[in-house]
Protein backbone atom coordinates (compact mmCIF):
# COMPACT_ATOMS: atom_id res chain seq x y z
CA MET A 1 139.85 21.97 136.92
CA LEU A 2 136.83 20.78 134.92
CA LYS A 3 138.83 17.98 133.30
CA MET A 4 140.05 16.77 136.70
CA PHE A 5 136.50 16.92 138.08
CA SER A 6 135.17 15.00 135.08
CA THR A 7 137.81 12.30 135.52
CA GLN A 8 137.09 11.97 139.25
CA LEU A 9 133.33 11.88 138.66
CA THR A 10 133.73 9.12 136.09
CA GLY A 11 135.69 7.21 138.73
CA VAL A 12 132.85 7.64 141.23
CA PHE A 13 130.31 6.31 138.74
CA LYS A 14 132.55 3.35 137.91
CA LYS A 15 133.08 2.54 141.59
CA ILE A 16 129.33 2.63 142.28
CA ALA A 17 128.56 0.43 139.25
CA GLU A 18 131.20 -2.14 140.16
CA ASN A 19 130.69 -2.32 143.92
CA GLU A 20 126.91 -2.02 144.03
CA GLU A 21 126.02 -4.32 141.13
CA PHE A 22 124.04 -6.80 143.25
CA SER A 23 122.31 -4.01 145.18
CA PHE A 24 121.14 -2.50 141.88
CA GLU A 25 119.57 -5.84 140.92
CA ASP A 26 118.03 -6.44 144.35
CA GLY A 27 116.76 -2.87 144.60
CA ALA A 28 115.24 -2.89 141.13
CA ARG A 29 113.49 -6.21 141.81
CA LEU A 30 112.05 -4.85 145.04
CA LEU A 31 110.85 -1.63 143.39
CA ALA A 32 109.45 -3.41 140.33
CA GLN A 33 107.09 -5.34 142.60
CA ALA A 34 105.02 -2.18 143.06
CA THR A 35 104.69 -1.50 139.34
CA ALA A 36 103.98 -5.13 138.49
CA GLY A 37 101.23 -5.12 141.11
CA ASP A 38 98.82 -2.38 142.06
CA GLY A 39 101.30 -0.15 143.85
CA TYR A 40 103.41 2.93 143.32
CA ILE A 41 107.09 3.67 143.70
CA TYR A 42 107.28 6.61 146.07
CA ILE A 43 110.54 8.55 145.78
CA PHE A 44 111.98 10.81 148.47
CA GLY A 45 114.96 13.08 148.04
CA ALA A 46 116.43 14.92 151.03
CA LYS A 47 117.88 18.38 150.40
CA GLU A 48 119.82 18.42 147.10
CA MET A 49 118.57 14.93 146.35
CA ARG A 50 115.17 16.41 145.43
CA ALA A 51 116.66 16.33 141.93
CA VAL A 52 115.90 12.60 141.80
CA PRO A 53 112.12 12.69 142.31
CA ALA A 54 112.00 15.63 139.89
CA GLU A 55 113.77 13.56 137.24
CA ALA A 56 111.71 10.44 137.94
CA ILE A 57 108.39 12.26 137.70
CA ASP A 58 108.95 15.27 135.42
CA GLY A 59 111.97 14.15 133.38
CA ALA A 60 111.99 13.27 129.69
CA GLU A 61 111.53 9.56 130.52
CA PRO A 62 109.49 9.28 133.73
CA LEU A 63 109.61 6.16 135.88
CA ARG A 64 106.36 4.22 135.61
CA SER A 65 104.19 4.33 138.73
CA ALA A 66 106.42 6.95 140.37
CA LYS A 67 105.15 9.48 142.88
CA GLU A 68 107.07 11.86 145.09
CA LEU A 69 106.97 10.96 148.76
CA THR A 70 106.12 13.96 150.93
CA ALA A 71 105.02 14.48 154.52
CA GLU A 72 101.51 15.10 153.18
CA ASN A 73 101.15 11.77 151.34
CA LEU A 74 103.17 9.48 153.64
CA SER A 75 99.95 8.13 155.16
CA GLU A 76 98.78 7.03 151.67
CA VAL A 77 101.69 4.59 151.26
CA THR A 78 100.58 0.96 151.66
CA ASP A 79 102.35 -2.39 151.69
CA ALA A 80 101.56 -2.70 147.96
CA ASP A 81 103.86 0.28 147.37
CA ARG A 82 107.63 0.52 147.46
CA VAL A 83 109.77 3.49 148.51
CA LEU A 84 113.07 4.78 147.19
CA LEU A 85 114.95 7.14 149.55
CA PHE A 86 117.88 9.38 148.56
CA THR A 87 120.01 11.33 151.02
CA ARG A 88 123.62 12.48 151.09
CA THR A 89 124.70 10.39 154.08
CA SER A 90 123.35 7.38 155.98
CA ASN A 91 123.13 9.40 159.20
CA ASP A 92 120.77 12.11 157.89
CA ASN A 93 118.37 12.44 160.81
CA ASP A 94 115.22 13.32 158.85
CA THR A 95 115.71 10.45 156.40
CA VAL A 96 116.50 7.98 159.20
CA GLN A 97 113.26 9.02 160.96
CA LEU A 98 111.34 8.50 157.73
CA ALA A 99 113.00 5.08 157.29
CA GLU A 100 112.02 4.14 160.84
CA ARG A 101 108.37 5.01 160.11
CA LEU A 102 108.47 2.92 156.92
CA ALA A 103 110.06 -0.02 158.75
CA GLU A 104 107.45 0.18 161.54
CA ARG A 105 104.70 0.00 158.90
CA ARG A 106 106.53 -2.81 157.07
CA ILE A 107 106.79 -0.82 153.84
CA PRO A 108 109.71 -2.21 151.80
CA PHE A 109 112.23 0.41 150.70
CA VAL A 110 115.55 0.99 148.98
CA ALA A 111 117.87 3.65 150.39
CA VAL A 112 120.71 5.42 148.60
CA SER A 113 123.36 7.34 150.53
CA THR A 114 127.03 7.49 151.40
CA VAL A 115 127.60 5.03 154.24
CA LEU A 116 128.98 6.52 157.44
CA ASP A 117 129.85 4.43 160.49
CA GLU A 118 127.20 6.04 162.68
CA GLY A 119 124.53 5.89 159.97
CA LYS A 120 121.47 3.83 160.84
CA LEU A 121 119.86 4.02 157.40
CA THR A 122 121.78 1.01 156.07
CA GLU A 123 120.38 -1.19 158.85
CA LEU A 124 116.78 -0.13 158.24
CA ALA A 125 116.70 -0.42 154.44
CA ASP A 126 115.73 -3.63 152.66
CA VAL A 127 118.39 -2.72 150.11
CA HIS A 128 121.02 0.00 150.40
CA ILE A 129 123.20 1.46 147.64
CA ASP A 130 126.35 3.29 148.75
CA LEU A 131 127.22 6.51 146.88
CA ARG A 132 130.81 6.29 148.17
CA LEU A 133 131.28 10.07 148.40
CA THR A 134 133.12 10.40 151.68
CA ARG A 135 135.12 13.49 150.64
CA GLY A 136 135.34 16.09 147.93
CA LEU A 137 136.72 15.07 144.56
CA LEU A 138 139.15 17.97 144.07
CA PRO A 139 142.08 19.17 146.20
CA ASP A 140 142.28 22.79 147.33
CA GLU A 141 145.37 24.87 148.08
CA THR A 142 145.28 24.14 151.82
CA GLY A 143 145.21 20.35 151.55
CA GLY A 144 141.44 20.08 151.89
CA ARG A 145 138.99 18.70 149.36
CA PHE A 146 135.92 20.17 147.68
CA GLY A 147 133.38 19.20 145.04
CA ILE A 148 130.91 16.67 146.46
CA PRO A 149 128.53 15.83 143.58
CA ALA A 150 126.03 13.87 145.68
CA SER A 151 123.01 14.65 143.51
CA MET A 152 124.91 13.69 140.34
CA ALA A 153 125.87 10.35 141.89
CA ALA A 154 122.27 9.89 143.06
CA LEU A 155 120.95 10.50 139.55
CA PHE A 156 123.45 7.93 138.24
CA VAL A 157 122.05 5.41 140.74
CA TYR A 158 118.48 6.38 139.87
CA TYR A 159 119.11 5.69 136.18
CA GLY A 160 120.78 2.38 136.97
CA LEU A 161 117.71 1.36 138.96
CA LYS A 162 115.29 2.70 136.34
CA PHE A 163 116.94 0.83 133.47
CA THR A 164 116.95 -2.39 135.47
CA ILE A 165 113.31 -1.93 136.53
CA ASP A 166 112.34 -1.34 132.89
CA GLU A 167 114.12 -4.57 131.87
CA ILE A 168 112.40 -6.55 134.64
CA LEU A 169 108.99 -5.21 133.71
CA ALA A 170 109.54 -5.89 130.01
CA GLU A 171 110.29 -9.55 130.82
CA TYR A 172 107.30 -9.70 133.17
CA GLU A 173 104.94 -8.35 130.49
CA GLU A 174 106.06 -10.87 127.82
C-alpha cells in the first residue's frame, strides 16, 4: 500500500509542477515584492494546512519576512505586505471570507487549493495554484478512494514558491 501511495503522490507532485509552472513564477514574484520592500509575507493555513505556516516560520529553513496570519494580526496587514493562503478546497468558507477581506483592502495575495467548480477563491486571488487533489489516491475494497494528502501537496507548493522567491531575491540583491 505504501509503495502505491508513494507512486501516486509522486504523480501529484509532478502534475502540480508541470501544470502550475507559470503560477509558481507569478506567485513568487508577487510574494517577493514584500520582502524586497518593507513588508512581510503573511501565511495562512486552514485546518490541516497549518503545517505550512509552521514550516515557513519554525522550519529548518524559514522563509524570510514570513509571519503567520491570524485573526488577531489581520488588521496589521498593509498594502506593503503580501499574503499566502492555503486551504484544501477553493470553496472553503472561512478562507473565502478571509480572501474577500483581503481583496476589499487591496492586499495582494496568492491562494493555494484544489479548484472546485463552486469555489470562489480562484476568482479573488491575484494568483492561484491548484493542488489537483479532487479524490483520494488509493482505491478501497468498495470502489471508493482514500488518502488525500492535501498538506503534503501544500508543502510541496510552499517549497516551490520559497525556492523561487529565494532565487528572485538573490538576483535583486546582486
